[in-house]
Amino acid sequence: MNKTKNIHNKNKNKNKFIFASIAIVIALALIASPLVVMDDALAIHKKGNKAKQSIEQSQSSNQNGLCVSGISTFFSCNNANFQHQFNSGNNALAQSGQGENSAEQSISQSQSSNQGSVVVSGGNTIGSGNNYNSQSQTNTGSNAAAQQG
C-alpha cells in the first residue's frame, strides 16, 4: 500500500507542477503582449495607411471601309460595332491605425469607336456606307471604404 500511496503523491505533485508552469506561461504572455505591440500602444511617431484600388475596363474599335465600283455597291462598305461591358466586382477597403489614412478607389469603364466609310459608285448605293455602333456599360459593383485613425 505504501508504494501505491507514493505513486499517487508523485502524480499529484507532477500535476501541480504542470498546472503552475502553464499559469506562469499565460501570466508572462499577458504581461509581455503590450510590449510586443509597442508601435501602436506606445507610439512616439504617427503612422498612416495608404491604399489604391481600381477596377478598369476599356474597349476600342476602329473600322474603315472603302468601296469603289463602276456598277452597283448595294449594301456594301457598312461598319457594325457592338460593345458591352459588365462589371459586378466590388472594391472594399478597411484601414485602421494611428495617423493619417489615405484611400483611392475607382471603378472605371471606357469605350470608343471610330468608324469611317467611303463609297464611290457608278450605280446603285442603297444600304451602303453605313456605320452602326452599339455600346453599353453595366456596373453593379460598389466601392466601400472604412477608415479609423
C-alpha atoms as a PDB file:
ATOM      1  CA  MET A   1       0.000   0.000   0.000  1.00  0.00           C
ATOM      2  CA  ASN A   2       2.805   2.425   0.694  1.00  0.00           C
ATOM      3  CA  LYS A   3       4.037   2.041  -2.880  1.00  0.00           C
ATOM      4  CA  THR A   4       0.575   2.931  -4.226  1.00  0.00           C
ATOM      5  CA  LYS A   5       0.335   5.940  -1.919  1.00  0.00           C
ATOM      6  CA  ASN A   6       3.767   7.198  -3.053  1.00  0.00           C
ATOM      7  CA  ILE A   7       2.796   6.885  -6.767  1.00  0.00           C
ATOM      8  CA  HIS A   8      -0.398   8.912  -6.175  1.00  0.00           C
ATOM      9  CA  ASN A   9       1.543  11.616  -4.322  1.00  0.00           C
ATOM     10  CA  LYS A  10       4.108  11.799  -7.153  1.00  0.00           C
ATOM     11  CA  ASN A  11       1.311  12.168  -9.751  1.00  0.00           C
ATOM     12  CA  LYS A  12      -0.373  14.914  -7.691  1.00  0.00           C
ATOM     13  CA  ASN A  13       2.909  16.796  -7.391  1.00  0.00           C
ATOM     14  CA  LYS A  14       3.574  16.368 -11.122  1.00  0.00           C
ATOM     15  CA  ASN A  15       0.081  17.699 -11.987  1.00  0.00           C
ATOM     16  CA  LYS A  16       0.583  20.685  -9.659  1.00  0.00           C
ATOM     17  CA  PHE A  17       3.921  21.439 -11.324  1.00  0.00           C
ATOM     18  CA  ILE A  18       2.396  21.290 -14.865  1.00  0.00           C
ATOM     19  CA  PHE A  19      -0.527  23.499 -13.781  1.00  0.00           C
ATOM     20  CA  ALA A  20       1.822  26.034 -12.166  1.00  0.00           C
ATOM     21  CA  SER A  21       4.037  26.068 -15.279  1.00  0.00           C
ATOM     22  CA  ILE A  22       1.052  26.739 -17.575  1.00  0.00           C
ATOM     23  CA  ALA A  23      -0.157  29.520 -15.267  1.00  0.00           C
ATOM     24  CA  ILE A  24       3.291  31.167 -15.338  1.00  0.00           C
ATOM     25  CA  VAL A  25       3.458  30.988 -19.167  1.00  0.00           C
ATOM     26  CA  ILE A  26      -0.002  32.565 -19.506  1.00  0.00           C
ATOM     27  CA  ALA A  27       0.866  35.300 -16.992  1.00  0.00           C
ATOM     28  CA  LEU A  28       4.086  36.115 -18.883  1.00  0.00           C
ATOM     29  CA  ALA A  29       2.183  36.237 -22.179  1.00  0.00           C
ATOM     30  CA  LEU A  30      -0.360  38.666 -20.729  1.00  0.00           C
ATOM     31  CA  ILE A  31       2.376  40.888 -19.335  1.00  0.00           C
ATOM     32  CA  ALA A  32       4.581  40.791 -22.437  1.00  0.00           C
ATOM     33  CA  SER A  33       1.870  41.250 -25.105  1.00  0.00           C
ATOM     34  CA  PRO A  34       1.597  45.066 -24.743  1.00  0.00           C
ATOM     35  CA  LEU A  35       5.360  45.313 -25.109  1.00  0.00           C
ATOM     36  CA  VAL A  36       5.326  43.337 -28.357  1.00  0.00           C
ATOM     37  CA  VAL A  37       2.712  45.711 -29.842  1.00  0.00           C
ATOM     38  CA  MET A  38       4.724  48.717 -28.758  1.00  0.00           C
ATOM     39  CA  ASP A  39       4.348  50.651 -32.027  1.00  0.00           C
ATOM     40  CA  ASP A  40       0.604  51.012 -31.601  1.00  0.00           C
ATOM     41  CA  ALA A  41       0.266  51.042 -27.821  1.00  0.00           C
ATOM     42  CA  LEU A  42       3.211  53.297 -27.017  1.00  0.00           C
ATOM     43  CA  ALA A  43       3.738  55.070 -30.342  1.00  0.00           C
ATOM     44  CA  ILE A  44       6.027  58.056 -30.375  1.00  0.00           C
ATOM     45  CA  HIS A  45       5.544  58.910 -34.049  1.00  0.00           C
ATOM     46  CA  LYS A  46       2.431  58.926 -36.169  1.00  0.00           C
ATOM     47  CA  LYS A  47       1.978  56.411 -38.893  1.00  0.00           C
ATOM     48  CA  GLY A  48      -0.703  56.029 -41.523  1.00  0.00           C
ATOM     49  CA  ASN A  49      -2.035  53.785 -44.218  1.00  0.00           C
ATOM     50  CA  LYS A  50      -2.273  54.394 -47.943  1.00  0.00           C
ATOM     51  CA  ALA A  51      -4.245  52.234 -50.332  1.00  0.00           C
ATOM     52  CA  LYS A  52      -5.189  52.359 -54.014  1.00  0.00           C
ATOM     53  CA  GLN A  53      -7.711  50.048 -55.617  1.00  0.00           C
ATOM     54  CA  SER A  54      -9.172  50.101 -59.086  1.00  0.00           C
ATOM     55  CA  ILE A  55     -11.209  48.040 -61.492  1.00  0.00           C
ATOM     56  CA  GLU A  56     -10.746  49.206 -65.067  1.00  0.00           C
ATOM     57  CA  GLN A  57     -12.289  48.059 -68.312  1.00  0.00           C
ATOM     58  CA  SER A  58     -11.639  49.500 -71.728  1.00  0.00           C
ATOM     59  CA  GLN A  59     -12.752  48.713 -75.264  1.00  0.00           C
ATOM     60  CA  SER A  60     -11.882  50.278 -78.575  1.00  0.00           C
ATOM     61  CA  SER A  61     -12.974  49.725 -82.143  1.00  0.00           C
ATOM     62  CA  ASN A  62     -11.556  51.263 -85.317  1.00  0.00           C
ATOM     63  CA  GLN A  63     -13.290  50.452 -88.583  1.00  0.00           C
ATOM     64  CA  ASN A  64     -12.889  51.834 -92.090  1.00  0.00           C
ATOM     65  CA  GLY A  65     -14.481  50.877 -95.351  1.00  0.00           C
ATOM     66  CA  LEU A  66     -13.705  51.924 -98.924  1.00  0.00           C
ATOM     67  CA  CYS A  67     -15.761  50.756-101.842  1.00  0.00           C
ATOM     68  CA  VAL A  68     -15.184  51.757-105.452  1.00  0.00           C
ATOM     69  CA  SER A  69     -17.423  50.302-108.134  1.00  0.00           C
ATOM     70  CA  GLY A  70     -18.349  51.128-111.707  1.00  0.00           C
ATOM     71  CA  ILE A  71     -21.740  49.411-111.388  1.00  0.00           C
ATOM     72  CA  SER A  72     -23.549  48.882-108.055  1.00  0.00           C
ATOM     73  CA  THR A  73     -22.442  48.934-104.408  1.00  0.00           C
ATOM     74  CA  PHE A  74     -25.724  47.658-102.995  1.00  0.00           C
ATOM     75  CA  PHE A  75     -25.360  47.023 -99.210  1.00  0.00           C
ATOM     76  CA  SER A  76     -21.577  47.418 -99.206  1.00  0.00           C
ATOM     77  CA  CYS A  77     -18.951  49.120 -97.003  1.00  0.00           C
ATOM     78  CA  ASN A  78     -21.006  49.026 -93.823  1.00  0.00           C
ATOM     79  CA  ASN A  79     -19.402  49.079 -90.391  1.00  0.00           C
ATOM     80  CA  ALA A  80     -21.059  47.488 -87.382  1.00  0.00           C
ATOM     81  CA  ASN A  81     -19.704  47.696 -83.855  1.00  0.00           C
ATOM     82  CA  PHE A  82     -21.193  46.021 -80.764  1.00  0.00           C
ATOM     83  CA  GLN A  83     -19.528  46.543 -77.394  1.00  0.00           C
ATOM     84  CA  HIS A  84     -20.801  45.587 -73.976  1.00  0.00           C
ATOM     85  CA  GLN A  85     -19.094  45.797 -70.612  1.00  0.00           C
ATOM     86  CA  PHE A  86     -20.423  44.223 -67.458  1.00  0.00           C
ATOM     87  CA  ASN A  87     -18.778  44.703 -64.083  1.00  0.00           C
ATOM     88  CA  SER A  88     -20.047  43.082 -60.929  1.00  0.00           C
ATOM     89  CA  GLY A  89     -16.790  43.499 -58.989  1.00  0.00           C
ATOM     90  CA  ASN A  90     -16.570  45.321 -55.697  1.00  0.00           C
ATOM     91  CA  ASN A  91     -13.845  47.397 -54.099  1.00  0.00           C
ATOM     92  CA  ALA A  92     -13.756  47.006 -50.342  1.00  0.00           C
ATOM     93  CA  LEU A  93     -11.156  48.714 -48.198  1.00  0.00           C
ATOM     94  CA  ALA A  94     -10.635  48.918 -44.454  1.00  0.00           C
ATOM     95  CA  GLN A  95      -7.842  50.813 -42.710  1.00  0.00           C
ATOM     96  CA  SER A  96      -7.000  51.271 -39.082  1.00  0.00           C
ATOM     97  CA  GLY A  97      -4.071  52.868 -37.353  1.00  0.00           C
ATOM     98  CA  GLN A  98      -2.710  55.993 -35.810  1.00  0.00           C
ATOM     99  CA  GLY A  99      -2.041  58.892 -38.059  1.00  0.00           C
ATOM    100  CA  GLU A 100      -3.408  59.709 -41.438  1.00  0.00           C
ATOM    101  CA  ASN A 101      -5.167  57.178 -43.645  1.00  0.00           C
ATOM    102  CA  SER A 102      -5.436  57.710 -47.382  1.00  0.00           C
ATOM    103  CA  ALA A 103      -7.536  55.672 -49.795  1.00  0.00           C
ATOM    104  CA  GLU A 104      -8.198  55.936 -53.519  1.00  0.00           C
ATOM    105  CA  GLN A 105     -10.767  53.697 -55.119  1.00  0.00           C
ATOM    106  CA  SER A 106     -12.178  53.658 -58.600  1.00  0.00           C
ATOM    107  CA  ILE A 107     -14.252  51.579 -60.950  1.00  0.00           C
ATOM    108  CA  SER A 108     -13.668  52.811 -64.478  1.00  0.00           C
ATOM    109  CA  GLN A 109     -15.190  51.766 -67.777  1.00  0.00           C
ATOM    110  CA  SER A 110     -14.471  53.331 -71.144  1.00  0.00           C
ATOM    111  CA  GLN A 111     -15.392  52.601 -74.724  1.00  0.00           C
ATOM    112  CA  SER A 112     -14.520  54.220 -78.024  1.00  0.00           C
ATOM    113  CA  SER A 113     -15.426  53.607 -81.614  1.00  0.00           C
ATOM    114  CA  ASN A 114     -14.021  55.241 -84.738  1.00  0.00           C
ATOM    115  CA  GLN A 115     -15.783  54.392 -87.951  1.00  0.00           C
ATOM    116  CA  GLY A 116     -15.398  55.706 -91.461  1.00  0.00           C
ATOM    117  CA  SER A 117     -16.797  54.679 -94.771  1.00  0.00           C
ATOM    118  CA  VAL A 118     -16.292  55.911 -98.332  1.00  0.00           C
ATOM    119  CA  VAL A 119     -18.426  54.707-101.228  1.00  0.00           C
ATOM    120  CA  VAL A 120     -17.753  55.640-104.850  1.00  0.00           C
ATOM    121  CA  SER A 121     -20.132  54.046-107.295  1.00  0.00           C
ATOM    122  CA  GLY A 122     -21.313  54.476-110.850  1.00  0.00           C
ATOM    123  CA  GLY A 123     -24.716  52.959-109.941  1.00  0.00           C
ATOM    124  CA  ASN A 124     -26.888  51.953-107.012  1.00  0.00           C
ATOM    125  CA  THR A 125     -25.559  52.666-103.447  1.00  0.00           C
ATOM    126  CA  ILE A 126     -28.657  51.656-101.444  1.00  0.00           C
ATOM    127  CA  GLY A 127     -27.754  50.385 -97.976  1.00  0.00           C
ATOM    128  CA  SER A 128     -24.063  51.167 -98.416  1.00  0.00           C
ATOM    129  CA  GLY A 129     -21.561  53.203 -96.398  1.00  0.00           C
ATOM    130  CA  ASN A 130     -23.481  52.963 -93.122  1.00  0.00           C
ATOM    131  CA  ASN A 131     -21.854  52.971 -89.713  1.00  0.00           C
ATOM    132  CA  TYR A 132     -23.633  51.284 -86.820  1.00  0.00           C
ATOM    133  CA  ASN A 133     -22.338  51.477 -83.280  1.00  0.00           C
ATOM    134  CA  SER A 134     -23.953  49.930 -80.178  1.00  0.00           C
ATOM    135  CA  GLN A 135     -22.253  50.304 -76.806  1.00  0.00           C
ATOM    136  CA  SER A 136     -23.495  49.563 -73.320  1.00  0.00           C
ATOM    137  CA  GLN A 137     -21.950  49.532 -69.888  1.00  0.00           C
ATOM    138  CA  THR A 138     -23.341  47.930 -66.781  1.00  0.00           C
ATOM    139  CA  ASN A 139     -21.740  48.224 -63.370  1.00  0.00           C
ATOM    140  CA  THR A 140     -23.322  46.546 -60.370  1.00  0.00           C
ATOM    141  CA  GLY A 141     -20.138  46.746 -58.297  1.00  0.00           C
ATOM    142  CA  SER A 142     -19.655  49.081 -55.397  1.00  0.00           C
ATOM    143  CA  ASN A 143     -16.897  50.953 -53.600  1.00  0.00           C
ATOM    144  CA  ALA A 144     -16.781  50.696 -49.836  1.00  0.00           C
ATOM    145  CA  ALA A 145     -14.120  52.221 -47.600  1.00  0.00           C
ATOM    146  CA  ALA A 146     -13.808  52.276 -43.838  1.00  0.00           C
ATOM    147  CA  GLN A 147     -11.070  54.185 -42.063  1.00  0.00           C
ATOM    148  CA  GLN A 148     -10.187  54.584 -38.438  1.00  0.00           C
ATOM    149  CA  GLY A 149      -7.298  56.753 -37.476  1.00  0.00           C
END
